[in-house]
Amino acid sequence: MKTVVISAVATGYGAQALTDHGLAFVVMPDSNGTYALVGRVAAWGAHIDNLLDRMIWALMGVDPEVGAQETSRLVGASQRWDRVVKLAEPERLPNDLLSEALRLQGRSPQLSKRRARIIHDPWFLNAQTGRQAQFRAMPKGQLVFGFVEVEPTEVDATVDELMKTAQEVGALHDRVLAHLVN
């Protein structure tokens, strides 16, 4: 699939038209409601990262400001989960808490990939059909280059899954902190 920029310099980015197999795509206008959903994806992902950071600080047994020096270097939920699991070795937490952490960690990579694609791939509209699309340039593990139509329901489903995951991570966070206090 080949993508060509048509007079981007002359028209400016906001009015830039791209073609892909004879279809024209334009940058999605700011008023499109999908941007609100993209923001919710980013916000719920940030809530999960924050819960994981706070769990790491508690497991490290350090003041949050000190712990933040460690977690500020971690990128995304996957690296945070790795740190949680390493710190929660069986002698530190009971098996049920460690098992729950491992279960949630196992779901993290796929959800993180979906979150990253929604947030980091630019949004466009098909000029002929008005359908939403994102431009994909070979995301990790996918041989995709060009425009991919994305239904708002797909973004909605990701928001729902992130919200559910945040609740589950929050419950684990509370159980871990309660165990560490006792």
Protein backbone atom coordinates (compact mmCIF):
# COMPACT_ATOMS: atom_id res chain seq x y z
CA MET A 1 0.00 0.00 0.00
CA LYS A 2 1.57 3.31 -1.01
CA THR A 3 0.64 6.65 0.57
CA VAL A 4 1.36 9.93 -1.15
CA VAL A 5 1.22 13.45 0.29
CA ILE A 6 -0.46 15.85 -2.13
CA SER A 7 0.72 19.48 -1.95
CA ALA A 8 1.11 19.45 1.83
CA VAL A 9 3.27 22.55 1.74
CA ALA A 10 0.82 24.53 -0.34
CA THR A 11 -2.29 23.59 1.64
CA GLY A 12 -0.93 23.43 5.18
CA TYR A 13 -1.34 20.44 7.48
CA GLY A 14 -4.94 21.18 8.47
CA ALA A 15 -6.14 20.97 4.89
CA GLN A 16 -3.65 18.34 3.77
CA ALA A 17 -5.11 15.64 1.60
CA LEU A 18 -3.48 12.25 1.42
CA THR A 19 -4.33 9.57 -1.11
CA ASP A 20 -4.27 5.84 -0.68
CA HIS A 21 -5.40 3.63 -3.58
CA GLY A 22 -7.30 6.53 -5.11
CA LEU A 23 -9.10 7.47 -1.89
CA ALA A 24 -8.53 10.92 -0.39
CA PHE A 25 -8.09 11.39 3.34
CA VAL A 26 -8.15 14.67 5.27
CA VAL A 27 -7.16 15.43 8.83
CA MET A 28 -10.12 14.83 11.10
CA PRO A 29 -11.58 18.16 12.31
CA ASP A 30 -11.18 19.18 15.95
CA SER A 31 -14.95 19.00 16.39
CA ASN A 32 -15.05 15.23 15.73
CA GLY A 33 -16.26 13.40 18.85
CA THR A 34 -13.66 10.67 18.47
CA TYR A 35 -11.08 13.02 19.95
CA ALA A 36 -13.01 12.95 23.25
CA LEU A 37 -12.79 9.14 23.18
CA VAL A 38 -9.05 9.33 22.44
CA GLY A 39 -8.70 11.57 25.49
CA ARG A 40 -10.58 9.04 27.63
CA VAL A 41 -8.24 6.28 26.41
CA ALA A 42 -5.26 8.41 27.45
CA ALA A 43 -6.80 9.32 30.80
CA TRP A 44 -7.73 5.75 31.81
CA GLY A 45 -4.30 4.51 30.72
CA ALA A 46 -2.75 7.18 32.94
CA HIS A 47 -4.93 6.08 35.88
CA ILE A 48 -3.68 2.51 35.49
CA ASP A 49 -0.06 3.70 35.34
CA ASN A 50 -0.62 5.79 38.48
CA LEU A 51 -2.11 2.86 40.40
CA LEU A 52 0.84 0.68 39.37
CA ASP A 53 3.31 3.40 40.41
CA ARG A 54 1.68 3.68 43.84
CA MET A 55 1.76 -0.11 44.23
CA ILE A 56 5.47 -0.12 43.33
CA TRP A 57 6.24 2.60 45.90
CA ALA A 58 4.38 0.65 48.60
CA LEU A 59 6.15 -2.60 47.70
CA MET A 60 9.49 -0.79 47.74
CA GLY A 61 8.61 0.59 51.18
CA VAL A 62 9.67 4.11 50.23
CA ASP A 63 8.16 7.57 50.30
CA PRO A 64 6.26 8.26 47.04
CA GLU A 65 8.59 11.13 46.13
CA VAL A 66 11.57 8.80 46.39
CA GLY A 67 9.75 5.99 44.58
CA ALA A 68 8.80 8.34 41.76
CA GLN A 69 12.48 8.62 40.91
CA GLU A 70 12.34 4.91 40.08
CA THR A 71 8.97 4.77 38.35
CA SER A 72 9.54 7.91 36.28
CA ARG A 73 11.96 5.83 34.19
CA LEU A 74 9.39 3.13 33.47
CA VAL A 75 7.58 3.35 30.14
CA GLY A 76 4.01 2.12 30.04
CA ALA A 77 2.08 -0.46 31.99
CA SER A 78 4.16 -3.46 30.88
CA GLN A 79 7.36 -2.23 32.51
CA ARG A 80 5.40 -1.24 35.61
CA TRP A 81 3.81 -4.70 35.84
CA ASP A 82 7.26 -6.29 35.53
CA ARG A 83 8.41 -4.21 38.49
CA VAL A 84 5.30 -5.02 40.57
CA VAL A 85 5.70 -8.76 39.99
CA LYS A 86 9.42 -8.68 40.78
CA LEU A 87 8.77 -6.78 44.02
CA ALA A 88 5.82 -9.02 44.95
CA GLU A 89 7.74 -12.28 44.97
CA PRO A 90 6.02 -15.04 46.97
CA GLU A 91 7.83 -14.27 50.22
CA ARG A 92 6.50 -10.69 50.06
CA LEU A 93 2.86 -11.25 49.09
CA PRO A 94 0.50 -14.21 49.47
CA ASN A 95 -0.08 -16.39 46.41
CA ASP A 96 -3.59 -15.04 45.74
CA LEU A 97 -2.28 -11.47 45.37
CA LEU A 98 0.68 -12.56 43.26
CA SER A 99 -1.63 -14.66 41.07
CA GLU A 100 -3.95 -11.69 40.55
CA ALA A 101 -1.00 -9.48 39.62
CA LEU A 102 0.20 -12.07 37.11
CA ARG A 103 -3.30 -12.40 35.63
CA LEU A 104 -3.61 -8.65 35.14
CA GLN A 105 -0.04 -8.43 33.84
CA GLY A 106 -0.90 -11.03 31.20
CA ARG A 107 -3.69 -8.83 29.80
CA SER A 108 -1.55 -5.71 29.78
CA PRO A 109 0.47 -6.01 26.54
CA GLN A 110 -2.52 -6.30 24.19
CA LEU A 111 -4.45 -3.52 25.93
CA SER A 112 -1.35 -1.30 25.94
CA LYS A 113 -0.89 -1.84 22.19
CA ARG A 114 -4.50 -0.87 21.50
CA ARG A 115 -4.14 2.19 23.71
CA ALA A 116 -0.94 3.25 21.96
CA ARG A 117 -2.44 2.89 18.47
CA ILE A 118 -5.51 4.94 19.40
CA ILE A 119 -3.45 7.72 20.96
CA HIS A 120 -0.35 7.84 18.77
CA ASP A 121 -1.58 7.12 15.23
CA PRO A 122 -3.00 10.23 13.52
CA TRP A 123 -6.71 10.42 12.76
CA PHE A 124 -8.20 11.21 9.35
CA LEU A 125 -11.51 11.14 7.51
CA ASN A 126 -12.07 9.47 4.19
CA ALA A 127 -13.05 12.49 2.05
CA GLN A 128 -15.45 10.40 -0.05
CA THR A 129 -17.20 8.36 2.65
CA GLY A 130 -16.66 10.43 5.81
CA ARG A 131 -15.47 7.29 7.63
CA GLN A 132 -12.74 7.60 10.23
CA ALA A 133 -9.31 6.16 9.64
CA GLN A 134 -5.90 6.16 11.21
CA PHE A 135 -2.59 6.15 9.42
CA ARG A 136 -0.50 3.15 10.47
CA ALA A 137 3.20 3.00 9.68
CA MET A 138 4.28 -0.52 10.60
CA PRO A 139 3.37 -0.61 14.30
CA LYS A 140 5.31 -3.22 16.25
CA GLY A 141 4.20 -6.71 15.32
CA GLN A 142 1.94 -5.57 12.47
CA LEU A 143 2.78 -5.37 8.79
CA VAL A 144 0.40 -2.48 8.17
CA PHE A 145 1.27 0.66 6.24
CA GLY A 146 -1.43 3.10 5.23
CA PHE A 147 -4.95 4.07 6.22
CA VAL A 148 -6.97 1.72 8.41
CA GLU A 149 -10.64 2.44 9.08
CA VAL A 150 -11.44 2.48 12.79
CA GLU A 151 -15.00 2.36 14.04
CA PRO A 152 -15.86 4.53 17.06
CA THR A 153 -17.20 1.37 18.71
CA GLU A 154 -13.63 -0.03 18.69
CA VAL A 155 -12.42 3.02 20.60
CA ASP A 156 -15.44 2.79 22.95
CA ALA A 157 -14.62 -0.86 23.65
CA THR A 158 -11.03 0.09 24.53
CA VAL A 159 -12.28 2.80 26.91
CA ASP A 160 -14.56 0.24 28.58
CA GLU A 161 -11.75 -2.29 28.91
CA LEU A 162 -9.37 0.33 30.32
CA MET A 163 -12.01 1.41 32.87
CA LYS A 164 -12.61 -2.21 33.92
CA THR A 165 -8.87 -2.84 34.16
CA ALA A 166 -8.38 0.33 36.23
CA GLN A 167 -11.03 -0.94 38.67
CA GLU A 168 -9.32 -4.34 38.90
CA VAL A 169 -5.87 -2.78 39.34
CA GLY A 170 -7.35 -0.43 41.95
CA ALA A 171 -8.79 -3.38 43.86
CA LEU A 172 -5.43 -5.19 43.72
CA HIS A 173 -3.66 -1.98 44.81
CA ASP A 174 -5.95 -1.71 47.86
CA ARG A 175 -5.46 -5.39 48.78
CA VAL A 176 -1.66 -5.11 48.43
CA LEU A 177 -1.55 -1.99 50.61
CA ALA A 178 -3.80 -3.63 53.22
CA HIS A 179 -1.51 -6.68 53.29
CA LEU A 180 1.63 -4.54 53.64
CA VAL A 181 0.12 -2.57 56.54
CA ASN A 182 -0.72 -5.76 58.48
